Amino acid sequence: MDKDEIQLNDDYDKMTAKSGWEKKLVEDLAMSALKERRTTRRWGIFFKLAFLTYIIVLAVLVFSPFDANSLEKATAKHTAVINVEGVISSESKASADNIITALRDAFEDKKTKGVILRMNTPGGSPVQSAYINDEIYRLKELHPEVKVYAVIVDICASGGYYIAAAADEIYADKGSMVGSIGVLMDGFGFENAIEKVGVTRRLYTAGDHKGFLDPFSKPQEGDIDHAKTMLKNIHEQFVAVVKKGRGDKLKDNPLLFSGYVWTGEQSIELGLVDKLGSSSSVARDVIGAEKIKDFTVSEAFLDRFAKKMGASMAATMAEISGFNIAPQLR
């Protein structure tokens, strides 16, 4: 290879190297420009969307008149009402499960300003009543800003008053029936009747007093005394609950815990009731939240019908046979 060919090859290599470097530079510049263009386009889309959103919000505010009343209604507080109606038992609508569920829902609602227990019950199970009484105190301790008011409609006796005693204040109508702070255990004795018709009662037990107060057998020695002792103990529990709830409001009257029922007017004089009033007047004038929201637990119609039929039949059989010996606050 002569000198001219060698020189030509060297020049070609130099030109190729130079072209590769320039090509890389051009590609880098092109990629940088492309990235910058993409970034600019994205920001442009963002600002356009933001401007469009601003226009839409502005149009809504301009063309939709502001309704202050609607806003006030949406944020307004309400008075929670829970009905305690009928006999208090584990199978009734005034069961502890139902009332406690309603109480928890009412207290946990952020818009609840106060709770009204609308009482219309002759009483019932001391255990169910005690469950509800205890839960009211627990919820009041958790939510001290929410007060509880018992409002008596027609009657609030025995187990009903056991519940009402936990309220911060109690209201009633002047003709309401209030009190009956006592305990009873009722039944029948058929031992003489079955002897007359020639029926022999066969009762087999393990335990000297397992047939305690069997209506077809004569009471054993000590049975009646034991029953009275048990009733006295439950009565003392009842009285303690009333004194805890009413405190110094109670007047010193020897008949206060005798089991008597009093009118609403008499109950105010005795300290069993604070004032006369209805659910609507208490919500409006005392709680200050006229809007009422009902938190009472309701059952489906078929469930309610089946329970009512079953409870009625069971109660009828118990009354006929004399087996209804469970202590009752009624």
C-alpha atoms as a PDB file:
ATOM      1  CA  MET A   1       0.000   0.000   0.000  1.00  0.00           C
ATOM      2  CA  ASP A   2       1.526   3.366  -0.986  1.00  0.00           C
ATOM      3  CA  LYS A   3       1.582   6.495   1.087  1.00  0.00           C
ATOM      4  CA  ASP A   4      -1.492   8.037  -0.585  1.00  0.00           C
ATOM      5  CA  GLU A   5      -3.701   5.070   0.281  1.00  0.00           C
ATOM      6  CA  ILE A   6      -2.500   5.085   3.898  1.00  0.00           C
ATOM      7  CA  GLN A   7      -3.253   8.805   4.164  1.00  0.00           C
ATOM      8  CA  LEU A   8      -6.731   8.274   2.679  1.00  0.00           C
ATOM      9  CA  ASN A   9      -7.588   5.590   5.215  1.00  0.00           C
ATOM     10  CA  ASP A  10      -6.435   7.759   8.117  1.00  0.00           C
ATOM     11  CA  ASP A  11      -8.596  10.622   6.911  1.00  0.00           C
ATOM     12  CA  TYR A  12     -11.635   8.300   6.613  1.00  0.00           C
ATOM     13  CA  ASP A  13     -11.154   6.975  10.178  1.00  0.00           C
ATOM     14  CA  LYS A  14     -10.955  10.495  11.518  1.00  0.00           C
ATOM     15  CA  MET A  15     -14.125  11.512   9.686  1.00  0.00           C
ATOM     16  CA  THR A  16     -15.983   8.412  10.929  1.00  0.00           C
ATOM     17  CA  ALA A  17     -14.968   9.034  14.558  1.00  0.00           C
ATOM     18  CA  LYS A  18     -16.002  12.644  14.216  1.00  0.00           C
ATOM     19  CA  SER A  19     -19.378  11.679  12.713  1.00  0.00           C
ATOM     20  CA  GLY A  20     -20.098   9.200  15.561  1.00  0.00           C
ATOM     21  CA  TRP A  21     -19.465  11.849  18.192  1.00  0.00           C
ATOM     22  CA  GLU A  22     -21.645  14.395  16.419  1.00  0.00           C
ATOM     23  CA  LYS A  23     -24.404  11.818  15.986  1.00  0.00           C
ATOM     24  CA  LYS A  24     -24.375  11.049  19.740  1.00  0.00           C
ATOM     25  CA  LEU A  25     -24.557  14.761  20.528  1.00  0.00           C
ATOM     26  CA  VAL A  26     -27.500  15.236  18.184  1.00  0.00           C
ATOM     27  CA  GLU A  27     -29.343  12.260  19.718  1.00  0.00           C
ATOM     28  CA  ASP A  28     -28.796  13.602  23.263  1.00  0.00           C
ATOM     29  CA  LEU A  29     -30.070  17.011  22.275  1.00  0.00           C
ATOM     30  CA  ALA A  30     -33.103  15.455  20.600  1.00  0.00           C
ATOM     31  CA  MET A  31     -33.974  13.332  23.668  1.00  0.00           C
ATOM     32  CA  SER A  32     -33.585  16.325  25.950  1.00  0.00           C
ATOM     33  CA  ALA A  33     -35.895  18.387  23.778  1.00  0.00           C
ATOM     34  CA  LEU A  34     -38.421  15.546  23.713  1.00  0.00           C
ATOM     35  CA  LYS A  35     -38.419  15.210  27.491  1.00  0.00           C
ATOM     36  CA  GLU A  36     -38.828  18.941  27.923  1.00  0.00           C
ATOM     37  CA  ARG A  37     -41.730  18.938  25.470  1.00  0.00           C
ATOM     38  CA  ARG A  38     -43.466  16.078  27.335  1.00  0.00           C
ATOM     39  CA  THR A  39     -43.026  17.851  30.671  1.00  0.00           C
ATOM     40  CA  THR A  40     -44.423  21.058  29.226  1.00  0.00           C
ATOM     41  CA  ARG A  41     -47.400  19.193  27.775  1.00  0.00           C
ATOM     42  CA  ARG A  42     -48.167  17.497  31.112  1.00  0.00           C
ATOM     43  CA  TRP A  43     -48.083  20.759  33.037  1.00  0.00           C
ATOM     44  CA  GLY A  44     -50.269  22.293  30.360  1.00  0.00           C
ATOM     45  CA  ILE A  45     -52.860  19.535  30.796  1.00  0.00           C
ATOM     46  CA  PHE A  46     -52.727  19.936  34.586  1.00  0.00           C
ATOM     47  CA  PHE A  47     -53.301  23.688  34.487  1.00  0.00           C
ATOM     48  CA  LYS A  48     -56.097  23.290  31.956  1.00  0.00           C
ATOM     49  CA  LEU A  49     -57.867  20.738  34.195  1.00  0.00           C
ATOM     50  CA  ALA A  50     -57.356  22.943  37.254  1.00  0.00           C
ATOM     51  CA  PHE A  51     -58.781  25.926  35.406  1.00  0.00           C
ATOM     52  CA  LEU A  52     -61.734  23.865  34.169  1.00  0.00           C
ATOM     53  CA  THR A  53     -62.443  22.642  37.720  1.00  0.00           C
ATOM     54  CA  TYR A  54     -62.302  26.222  38.986  1.00  0.00           C
ATOM     55  CA  ILE A  55     -64.792  27.320  36.313  1.00  0.00           C
ATOM     56  CA  ILE A  56     -67.193  24.467  37.170  1.00  0.00           C
ATOM     57  CA  VAL A  57     -67.075  25.184  40.925  1.00  0.00           C
ATOM     58  CA  LEU A  58     -67.537  28.887  40.300  1.00  0.00           C
ATOM     59  CA  ALA A  59     -70.517  28.192  38.031  1.00  0.00           C
ATOM     60  CA  VAL A  60     -72.123  25.941  40.667  1.00  0.00           C
ATOM     61  CA  LEU A  61     -71.686  28.599  43.348  1.00  0.00           C
ATOM     62  CA  VAL A  62     -73.041  31.349  41.098  1.00  0.00           C
ATOM     63  CA  PHE A  63     -76.015  29.548  39.576  1.00  0.00           C
ATOM     64  CA  SER A  64     -76.963  27.383  42.619  1.00  0.00           C
ATOM     65  CA  PRO A  65     -78.320  29.622  45.383  1.00  0.00           C
ATOM     66  CA  PHE A  66     -76.892  28.866  48.845  1.00  0.00           C
ATOM     67  CA  ASP A  67     -79.525  27.324  51.109  1.00  0.00           C
ATOM     68  CA  ALA A  68     -78.610  28.170  54.676  1.00  0.00           C
ATOM     69  CA  ASN A  69     -81.605  26.260  55.995  1.00  0.00           C
ATOM     70  CA  SER A  70     -80.485  23.048  54.280  1.00  0.00           C
ATOM     71  CA  LEU A  71     -77.015  23.361  55.768  1.00  0.00           C
ATOM     72  CA  GLU A  72     -78.461  24.042  59.189  1.00  0.00           C
ATOM     73  CA  LYS A  73     -80.745  21.007  58.948  1.00  0.00           C
ATOM     74  CA  ALA A  74     -77.859  18.771  57.872  1.00  0.00           C
ATOM     75  CA  THR A  75     -75.769  19.779  60.880  1.00  0.00           C
ATOM     76  CA  ALA A  76     -78.560  20.254  63.447  1.00  0.00           C
ATOM     77  CA  LYS A  77     -78.593  18.272  66.676  1.00  0.00           C
ATOM     78  CA  HIS A  78     -81.521  16.024  67.550  1.00  0.00           C
ATOM     79  CA  THR A  79     -83.127  14.463  70.600  1.00  0.00           C
ATOM     80  CA  ALA A  80     -82.877  10.665  70.634  1.00  0.00           C
ATOM     81  CA  VAL A  81     -86.041   8.885  71.803  1.00  0.00           C
ATOM     82  CA  ILE A  82     -86.249   5.249  72.903  1.00  0.00           C
ATOM     83  CA  ASN A  83     -89.578   3.656  73.761  1.00  0.00           C
ATOM     84  CA  VAL A  84     -89.673   1.363  76.798  1.00  0.00           C
ATOM     85  CA  GLU A  85     -93.122  -0.087  76.271  1.00  0.00           C
ATOM     86  CA  GLY A  86     -94.956  -3.113  77.639  1.00  0.00           C
ATOM     87  CA  VAL A  87     -93.786  -5.796  80.029  1.00  0.00           C
ATOM     88  CA  ILE A  88     -90.017  -5.877  80.542  1.00  0.00           C
ATOM     89  CA  SER A  89     -88.757  -9.389  79.808  1.00  0.00           C
ATOM     90  CA  SER A  90     -86.087 -11.126  77.764  1.00  0.00           C
ATOM     91  CA  GLU A  91     -88.681 -12.023  75.109  1.00  0.00           C
ATOM     92  CA  SER A  92     -90.491  -8.691  74.794  1.00  0.00           C
ATOM     93  CA  LYS A  93     -89.725  -5.574  72.775  1.00  0.00           C
ATOM     94  CA  ALA A  94     -88.735  -3.987  76.090  1.00  0.00           C
ATOM     95  CA  SER A  95     -85.977  -6.553  76.609  1.00  0.00           C
ATOM     96  CA  ALA A  96     -82.543  -5.488  77.823  1.00  0.00           C
ATOM     97  CA  ASP A  97     -81.030  -6.484  74.465  1.00  0.00           C
ATOM     98  CA  ASN A  98     -83.363  -4.187  72.535  1.00  0.00           C
ATOM     99  CA  ILE A  99     -83.180  -1.221  74.906  1.00  0.00           C
ATOM    100  CA  ILE A 100     -79.406  -1.406  75.347  1.00  0.00           C
ATOM    101  CA  THR A 101     -78.865  -1.648  71.578  1.00  0.00           C
ATOM    102  CA  ALA A 102     -80.995   1.464  71.099  1.00  0.00           C
ATOM    103  CA  LEU A 103     -79.175   3.304  73.889  1.00  0.00           C
ATOM    104  CA  ARG A 104     -75.754   2.590  72.406  1.00  0.00           C
ATOM    105  CA  ASP A 105     -76.857   3.712  68.954  1.00  0.00           C
ATOM    106  CA  ALA A 106     -78.295   6.925  70.386  1.00  0.00           C
ATOM    107  CA  PHE A 107     -75.217   7.796  72.445  1.00  0.00           C
ATOM    108  CA  GLU A 108     -72.807   7.022  69.593  1.00  0.00           C
ATOM    109  CA  ASP A 109     -74.677   9.272  67.159  1.00  0.00           C
ATOM    110  CA  LYS A 110     -72.665  12.517  66.928  1.00  0.00           C
ATOM    111  CA  LYS A 111     -75.841  14.577  66.445  1.00  0.00           C
ATOM    112  CA  THR A 112     -77.517  13.367  69.638  1.00  0.00           C
ATOM    113  CA  LYS A 113     -77.871  16.229  72.105  1.00  0.00           C
ATOM    114  CA  GLY A 114     -79.925  14.344  74.672  1.00  0.00           C
ATOM    115  CA  VAL A 115     -81.697  11.008  75.174  1.00  0.00           C
ATOM    116  CA  ILE A 116     -85.320  10.497  76.200  1.00  0.00           C
ATOM    117  CA  LEU A 117     -86.552   7.175  77.551  1.00  0.00           C
ATOM    118  CA  ARG A 118     -90.276   7.267  76.833  1.00  0.00           C
ATOM    119  CA  MET A 119     -91.633   5.029  79.600  1.00  0.00           C
ATOM    120  CA  ASN A 120     -94.956   3.213  79.322  1.00  0.00           C
ATOM    121  CA  THR A 121     -94.521  -0.057  81.194  1.00  0.00           C
ATOM    122  CA  PRO A 122     -95.994  -1.850  84.228  1.00  0.00           C
ATOM    123  CA  GLY A 123     -92.585  -3.407  84.953  1.00  0.00           C
ATOM    124  CA  GLY A 124     -91.346  -6.960  84.686  1.00  0.00           C
ATOM    125  CA  SER A 125     -88.062  -8.777  85.157  1.00  0.00           C
ATOM    126  CA  PRO A 126     -85.743  -7.301  87.805  1.00  0.00           C
ATOM    127  CA  VAL A 127     -82.761  -8.754  85.961  1.00  0.00           C
ATOM    128  CA  GLN A 128     -83.640  -7.154  82.614  1.00  0.00           C
ATOM    129  CA  SER A 129     -84.343  -3.854  84.380  1.00  0.00           C
ATOM    130  CA  ALA A 130     -80.998  -4.012  86.192  1.00  0.00           C
ATOM    131  CA  TYR A 131     -79.124  -4.659  82.929  1.00  0.00           C
ATOM    132  CA  ILE A 132     -80.633  -1.526  81.407  1.00  0.00           C
ATOM    133  CA  ASN A 133     -80.057   0.580  84.528  1.00  0.00           C
ATOM    134  CA  ASP A 134     -76.382  -0.406  84.633  1.00  0.00           C
ATOM    135  CA  GLU A 135     -75.908   0.349  80.930  1.00  0.00           C
ATOM    136  CA  ILE A 136     -77.387   3.832  81.277  1.00  0.00           C
ATOM    137  CA  TYR A 137     -74.814   4.679  83.951  1.00  0.00           C
ATOM    138  CA  ARG A 138     -71.998   3.231  81.833  1.00  0.00           C
ATOM    139  CA  LEU A 139     -72.984   5.234  78.750  1.00  0.00           C
ATOM    140  CA  LYS A 140     -73.405   8.451  80.752  1.00  0.00           C
ATOM    141  CA  GLU A 141     -69.886   8.028  82.079  1.00  0.00           C
ATOM    142  CA  LEU A 142     -68.535   7.533  78.538  1.00  0.00           C
ATOM    143  CA  HIS A 143     -70.552  10.468  77.149  1.00  0.00           C
ATOM    144  CA  PRO A 144     -70.924  12.991  80.008  1.00  0.00           C
ATOM    145  CA  GLU A 145     -72.147  15.666  77.594  1.00  0.00           C
ATOM    146  CA  VAL A 146     -75.302  13.658  76.783  1.00  0.00           C
ATOM    147  CA  LYS A 147     -78.028  13.744  79.447  1.00  0.00           C
ATOM    148  CA  VAL A 148     -80.747  11.120  79.856  1.00  0.00           C
ATOM    149  CA  TYR A 149     -84.352  12.031  80.607  1.00  0.00           C
ATOM    150  CA  ALA A 150     -87.141   9.600  81.482  1.00  0.00           C
ATOM    151  CA  VAL A 151     -90.562  10.763  80.293  1.00  0.00           C
ATOM    152  CA  ILE A 152     -93.485   8.772  81.710  1.00  0.00           C
ATOM    153  CA  VAL A 153     -96.577   8.393  79.554  1.00  0.00           C
ATOM    154  CA  ASP A 154     -99.390   6.314  81.122  1.00  0.00           C
ATOM    155  CA  ILE A 155     -97.470   4.178  83.612  1.00  0.00           C
ATOM    156  CA  CYS A 156     -93.943   3.627  84.843  1.00  0.00           C
ATOM    157  CA  ALA A 157     -94.131   1.089  87.634  1.00  0.00           C
ATOM    158  CA  SER A 158     -91.769  -1.368  89.303  1.00  0.00           C
ATOM    159  CA  GLY A 159     -89.170  -2.495  86.741  1.00  0.00           C
ATOM    160  CA  GLY A 160     -89.973   0.554  84.634  1.00  0.00           C
ATOM    161  CA  TYR A 161     -89.114   2.870  87.505  1.00  0.00           C
ATOM    162  CA  TYR A 162     -86.015   0.743  88.192  1.00  0.00           C
ATOM    163  CA  ILE A 163     -84.860   1.845  84.730  1.00  0.00           C
ATOM    164  CA  ALA A 164     -86.073   5.440  85.005  1.00  0.00           C
ATOM    165  CA  ALA A 165     -84.160   5.968  88.249  1.00  0.00           C
ATOM    166  CA  ALA A 166     -80.912   6.047  86.259  1.00  0.00           C
ATOM    167  CA  ALA A 167     -82.050   9.123  84.299  1.00  0.00           C
ATOM    168  CA  ASP A 168     -80.727  12.597  85.097  1.00  0.00           C
ATOM    169  CA  GLU A 169     -84.301  13.877  85.349  1.00  0.00           C
ATOM    170  CA  ILE A 170     -87.762  12.277  85.300  1.00  0.00           C
ATOM    171  CA  TYR A 171     -90.855  13.898  83.779  1.00  0.00           C
ATOM    172  CA  ALA A 172     -94.472  12.727  83.832  1.00  0.00           C
ATOM    173  CA  ASP A 173     -98.012  13.815  83.116  1.00  0.00           C
ATOM    174  CA  LYS A 174    -100.113  14.775  86.113  1.00  0.00           C
ATOM    175  CA  GLY A 175    -102.230  11.644  85.580  1.00  0.00           C
ATOM    176  CA  SER A 176     -99.364   9.217  84.994  1.00  0.00           C
ATOM    177  CA  MET A 177     -99.038   6.214  87.312  1.00  0.00           C
ATOM    178  CA  VAL A 178     -95.615   6.075  88.943  1.00  0.00           C
ATOM    179  CA  GLY A 179     -93.818   3.941  91.502  1.00  0.00           C
ATOM    180  CA  SER A 180     -94.821   0.489  92.737  1.00  0.00           C
ATOM    181  CA  ILE A 181     -91.391   0.061  94.283  1.00  0.00           C
ATOM    182  CA  GLY A 182     -91.865  -3.509  95.424  1.00  0.00           C
ATOM    183  CA  VAL A 183     -91.448  -7.151  94.391  1.00  0.00           C
ATOM    184  CA  LEU A 184     -93.980  -9.931  94.037  1.00  0.00           C
ATOM    185  CA  MET A 185     -94.059 -13.644  93.357  1.00  0.00           C
ATOM    186  CA  ASP A 186     -97.490 -15.033  92.524  1.00  0.00           C
ATOM    187  CA  GLY A 187     -98.949 -18.467  91.864  1.00  0.00           C
ATOM    188  CA  PHE A 188    -101.752 -20.873  92.803  1.00  0.00           C
ATOM    189  CA  GLY A 189    -102.180 -23.815  95.165  1.00  0.00           C
ATOM    190  CA  PHE A 190    -104.073 -26.805  93.742  1.00  0.00           C
ATOM    191  CA  GLU A 191    -103.309 -29.422  96.418  1.00  0.00           C
ATOM    192  CA  ASN A 192    -106.845 -29.388  97.862  1.00  0.00           C
ATOM    193  CA  ALA A 193    -108.455 -29.442  94.425  1.00  0.00           C
ATOM    194  CA  ILE A 194    -106.578 -32.512  93.204  1.00  0.00           C
ATOM    195  CA  GLU A 195    -107.441 -34.342  96.423  1.00  0.00           C
ATOM    196  CA  LYS A 196    -111.147 -33.711  95.835  1.00  0.00           C
ATOM    197  CA  VAL A 197    -111.049 -35.031  92.274  1.00  0.00           C
ATOM    198  CA  GLY A 198    -108.926 -38.000  93.283  1.00  0.00           C
ATOM    199  CA  VAL A 199    -105.681 -37.031  91.554  1.00  0.00           C
ATOM    200  CA  THR A 200    -102.368 -38.071  93.075  1.00  0.00           C
ATOM    201  CA  ARG A 201     -99.394 -35.775  92.577  1.00  0.00           C
ATOM    202  CA  ARG A 202     -96.108 -37.597  91.924  1.00  0.00           C
ATOM    203  CA  LEU A 203     -93.120 -35.309  92.229  1.00  0.00           C
ATOM    204  CA  TYR A 204     -89.610 -36.775  92.393  1.00  0.00           C
ATOM    205  CA  THR A 205     -86.700 -34.509  93.239  1.00  0.00           C
ATOM    206  CA  ALA A 206     -83.047 -34.600  94.215  1.00  0.00           C
ATOM    207  CA  GLY A 207     -82.637 -31.919  96.820  1.00  0.00           C
ATOM    208  CA  ASP A 208     -84.933 -31.318  99.764  1.00  0.00           C
ATOM    209  CA  HIS A 209     -86.376 -28.115  98.340  1.00  0.00           C
ATOM    210  CA  LYS A 210     -86.174 -28.705  94.588  1.00  0.00           C
ATOM    211  CA  GLY A 211     -89.983 -28.731  94.483  1.00  0.00           C
ATOM    212  CA  PHE A 212     -89.957 -25.294  96.066  1.00  0.00           C
ATOM    213  CA  LEU A 213     -93.445 -23.709  95.819  1.00  0.00           C
ATOM    214  CA  ASP A 214     -94.847 -26.469  93.607  1.00  0.00           C
ATOM    215  CA  PRO A 215     -98.522 -25.462  93.117  1.00  0.00           C
ATOM    216  CA  PHE A 216     -99.760 -29.082  93.464  1.00  0.00           C
ATOM    217  CA  SER A 217     -98.014 -29.766  96.782  1.00  0.00           C
ATOM    218  CA  LYS A 218     -98.355 -28.257 100.228  1.00  0.00           C
ATOM    219  CA  PRO A 219     -95.483 -25.893 101.074  1.00  0.00           C
ATOM    220  CA  GLN A 220     -92.769 -27.491 103.167  1.00  0.00           C
ATOM    221  CA  GLU A 221     -91.605 -25.957 106.403  1.00  0.00           C
ATOM    222  CA  GLY A 222     -89.421 -22.965 105.632  1.00  0.00           C
ATOM    223  CA  ASP A 223     -90.516 -22.574 101.972  1.00  0.00           C
ATOM    224  CA  ILE A 224     -92.584 -19.446 102.534  1.00  0.00           C
ATOM    225  CA  ASP A 225     -89.962 -17.880 104.810  1.00  0.00           C
ATOM    226  CA  HIS A 226     -87.325 -18.537 102.182  1.00  0.00           C
ATOM    227  CA  ALA A 227     -89.498 -16.947  99.478  1.00  0.00           C
ATOM    228  CA  LYS A 228     -90.061 -13.876 101.614  1.00  0.00           C
ATOM    229  CA  THR A 229     -86.340 -13.581 102.335  1.00  0.00           C
ATOM    230  CA  MET A 230     -85.565 -13.736  98.627  1.00  0.00           C
ATOM    231  CA  LEU A 231     -88.183 -11.110  97.797  1.00  0.00           C
ATOM    232  CA  LYS A 232     -86.890  -8.889 100.600  1.00  0.00           C
ATOM    233  CA  ASN A 233     -83.389  -9.094  99.173  1.00  0.00           C
ATOM    234  CA  ILE A 234     -84.557  -8.090  95.672  1.00  0.00           C
ATOM    235  CA  HIS A 235     -86.640  -5.282  97.188  1.00  0.00           C
ATOM    236  CA  GLU A 236     -83.578  -3.947  99.015  1.00  0.00           C
ATOM    237  CA  GLN A 237     -81.671  -3.946  95.717  1.00  0.00           C
ATOM    238  CA  PHE A 238     -84.538  -2.028  94.113  1.00  0.00           C
ATOM    239  CA  VAL A 239     -84.632   0.551  96.895  1.00  0.00           C
ATOM    240  CA  ALA A 240     -80.858   1.035  96.710  1.00  0.00           C
ATOM    241  CA  VAL A 241     -81.087   1.698  92.958  1.00  0.00           C
ATOM    242  CA  VAL A 242     -83.843   4.285  93.465  1.00  0.00           C
ATOM    243  CA  LYS A 243     -81.896   6.038  96.221  1.00  0.00           C
ATOM    244  CA  LYS A 244     -78.770   6.074  94.059  1.00  0.00           C
ATOM    245  CA  GLY A 245     -80.608   7.679  91.184  1.00  0.00           C
ATOM    246  CA  ARG A 246     -82.845  10.119  93.047  1.00  0.00           C
ATOM    247  CA  GLY A 247     -80.657  10.914  96.050  1.00  0.00           C
ATOM    248  CA  ASP A 248     -81.773  13.886  98.149  1.00  0.00           C
ATOM    249  CA  LYS A 249     -84.794  14.455  95.884  1.00  0.00           C
ATOM    250  CA  LEU A 250     -86.662  11.653  97.680  1.00  0.00           C
ATOM    251  CA  LYS A 251     -88.922  12.723 100.518  1.00  0.00           C
ATOM    252  CA  ASP A 252     -88.978  10.907 103.850  1.00  0.00           C
ATOM    253  CA  ASN A 253     -92.231   8.965 103.536  1.00  0.00           C
ATOM    254  CA  PRO A 254     -92.689   5.497 105.108  1.00  0.00           C
ATOM    255  CA  LEU A 255     -94.942   4.441 102.209  1.00  0.00           C
ATOM    256  CA  LEU A 256     -92.503   5.443  99.470  1.00  0.00           C
ATOM    257  CA  PHE A 257     -91.103   1.925  99.033  1.00  0.00           C
ATOM    258  CA  SER A 258     -94.226   0.048 100.050  1.00  0.00           C
ATOM    259  CA  GLY A 259     -95.292  -0.912  96.540  1.00  0.00           C
ATOM    260  CA  TYR A 260     -97.936   1.813  96.213  1.00  0.00           C
ATOM    261  CA  VAL A 261     -98.460   3.536  92.852  1.00  0.00           C
ATOM    262  CA  TRP A 262     -98.721   7.331  92.758  1.00  0.00           C
ATOM    263  CA  THR A 263    -100.014   9.896  90.272  1.00  0.00           C
ATOM    264  CA  GLY A 264     -97.652  12.214  88.470  1.00  0.00           C
ATOM    265  CA  GLU A 265     -98.572  15.115  90.742  1.00  0.00           C
ATOM    266  CA  GLN A 266     -98.098  13.038  93.879  1.00  0.00           C
ATOM    267  CA  SER A 267     -94.796  11.716  92.537  1.00  0.00           C
ATOM    268  CA  ILE A 268     -93.398  15.231  92.297  1.00  0.00           C
ATOM    269  CA  GLU A 269     -94.235  15.818  95.960  1.00  0.00           C
ATOM    270  CA  LEU A 270     -92.539  12.524  96.875  1.00  0.00           C
ATOM    271  CA  GLY A 271     -89.441  13.213  94.786  1.00  0.00           C
ATOM    272  CA  LEU A 272     -90.035  10.323  92.394  1.00  0.00           C
ATOM    273  CA  VAL A 273     -90.571  12.762  89.506  1.00  0.00           C
ATOM    274  CA  ASP A 274     -88.908  16.134  88.864  1.00  0.00           C
ATOM    275  CA  LYS A 275     -91.487  17.996  86.766  1.00  0.00           C
ATOM    276  CA  LEU A 276     -94.508  17.614  84.522  1.00  0.00           C
ATOM    277  CA  GLY A 277     -93.737  17.330  80.836  1.00  0.00           C
ATOM    278  CA  SER A 278     -94.020  15.341  77.622  1.00  0.00           C
ATOM    279  CA  SER A 279     -91.392  14.032  75.200  1.00  0.00           C
ATOM    280  CA  SER A 280     -91.849  16.972  72.834  1.00  0.00           C
ATOM    281  CA  SER A 281     -91.724  19.591  75.597  1.00  0.00           C
ATOM    282  CA  VAL A 282     -88.595  18.052  77.130  1.00  0.00           C
ATOM    283  CA  ALA A 283     -86.909  17.872  73.715  1.00  0.00           C
ATOM    284  CA  ARG A 284     -87.814  21.472  72.933  1.00  0.00           C
ATOM    285  CA  ASP A 285     -87.522  23.255  76.283  1.00  0.00           C
ATOM    286  CA  VAL A 286     -85.062  21.166  78.302  1.00  0.00           C
ATOM    287  CA  ILE A 287     -82.691  19.514  75.831  1.00  0.00           C
ATOM    288  CA  GLY A 288     -82.940  22.296  73.267  1.00  0.00           C
ATOM    289  CA  ALA A 289     -83.178  20.018  70.235  1.00  0.00           C
ATOM    290  CA  GLU A 290     -86.771  19.995  69.003  1.00  0.00           C
ATOM    291  CA  LYS A 291     -86.044  17.516  66.208  1.00  0.00           C
ATOM    292  CA  ILE A 292     -86.738  13.987  67.513  1.00  0.00           C
ATOM    293  CA  LYS A 293     -85.078  10.857  66.145  1.00  0.00           C
ATOM    294  CA  ASP A 294     -86.503   7.489  67.195  1.00  0.00           C
ATOM    295  CA  PHE A 295     -83.832   4.904  68.045  1.00  0.00           C
ATOM    296  CA  THR A 296     -86.248   2.233  69.276  1.00  0.00           C
ATOM    297  CA  VAL A 297     -85.311  -1.216  67.972  1.00  0.00           C
ATOM    298  CA  SER A 298     -88.141  -2.539  65.802  1.00  0.00           C
ATOM    299  CA  GLU A 299     -88.757  -6.148  64.826  1.00  0.00           C
ATOM    300  CA  ALA A 300     -90.047  -7.555  61.568  1.00  0.00           C
ATOM    301  CA  PHE A 301     -93.808  -8.148  61.580  1.00  0.00           C
ATOM    302  CA  LEU A 302     -93.576 -11.963  61.364  1.00  0.00           C
ATOM    303  CA  ASP A 303     -91.025 -12.142  64.180  1.00  0.00           C
ATOM    304  CA  ARG A 304     -93.147  -9.852  66.328  1.00  0.00           C
ATOM    305  CA  PHE A 305     -96.308 -11.878  65.616  1.00  0.00           C
ATOM    306  CA  ALA A 306     -94.605 -15.208  66.383  1.00  0.00           C
ATOM    307  CA  LYS A 307     -93.132 -13.884  69.627  1.00  0.00           C
ATOM    308  CA  LYS A 308     -96.434 -12.425  70.727  1.00  0.00           C
ATOM    309  CA  MET A 309     -98.294 -15.661  70.073  1.00  0.00           C
ATOM    310  CA  GLY A 310     -95.671 -17.763  71.832  1.00  0.00           C
ATOM    311  CA  ALA A 311     -95.412 -15.414  74.801  1.00  0.00           C
ATOM    312  CA  SER A 312     -99.191 -15.231  75.155  1.00  0.00           C
ATOM    313  CA  MET A 313     -99.587 -18.996  75.153  1.00  0.00           C
ATOM    314  CA  ALA A 314     -96.735 -19.461  77.613  1.00  0.00           C
ATOM    315  CA  ALA A 315     -98.091 -16.769  79.926  1.00  0.00           C
ATOM    316  CA  THR A 316    -101.584 -18.266  79.819  1.00  0.00           C
ATOM    317  CA  MET A 317    -100.295 -21.737  80.643  1.00  0.00           C
ATOM    318  CA  ALA A 318     -98.170 -20.357  83.455  1.00  0.00           C
ATOM    319  CA  GLU A 319    -101.110 -18.533  84.982  1.00  0.00           C
ATOM    320  CA  ILE A 320    -103.389 -21.570  84.694  1.00  0.00           C
ATOM    321  CA  SER A 321    -100.853 -23.977  86.172  1.00  0.00           C
ATOM    322  CA  GLY A 322     -99.490 -21.594  88.771  1.00  0.00           C
ATOM    323  CA  PHE A 323     -95.923 -21.946  87.505  1.00  0.00           C
ATOM    324  CA  ASN A 324     -95.325 -18.205  87.263  1.00  0.00           C
ATOM    325  CA  ILE A 325     -93.155 -18.014  90.374  1.00  0.00           C
ATOM    326  CA  ALA A 326     -90.296 -15.878  89.051  1.00  0.00           C
ATOM    327  CA  PRO A 327     -89.967 -12.627  91.055  1.00  0.00           C
ATOM    328  CA  GLN A 328     -91.457  -9.681  89.203  1.00  0.00           C
ATOM    329  CA  LEU A 329     -91.108  -5.934  89.566  1.00  0.00           C
ATOM    330  CA  ARG A 330     -94.724  -5.225  88.700  1.00  0.00           C
END
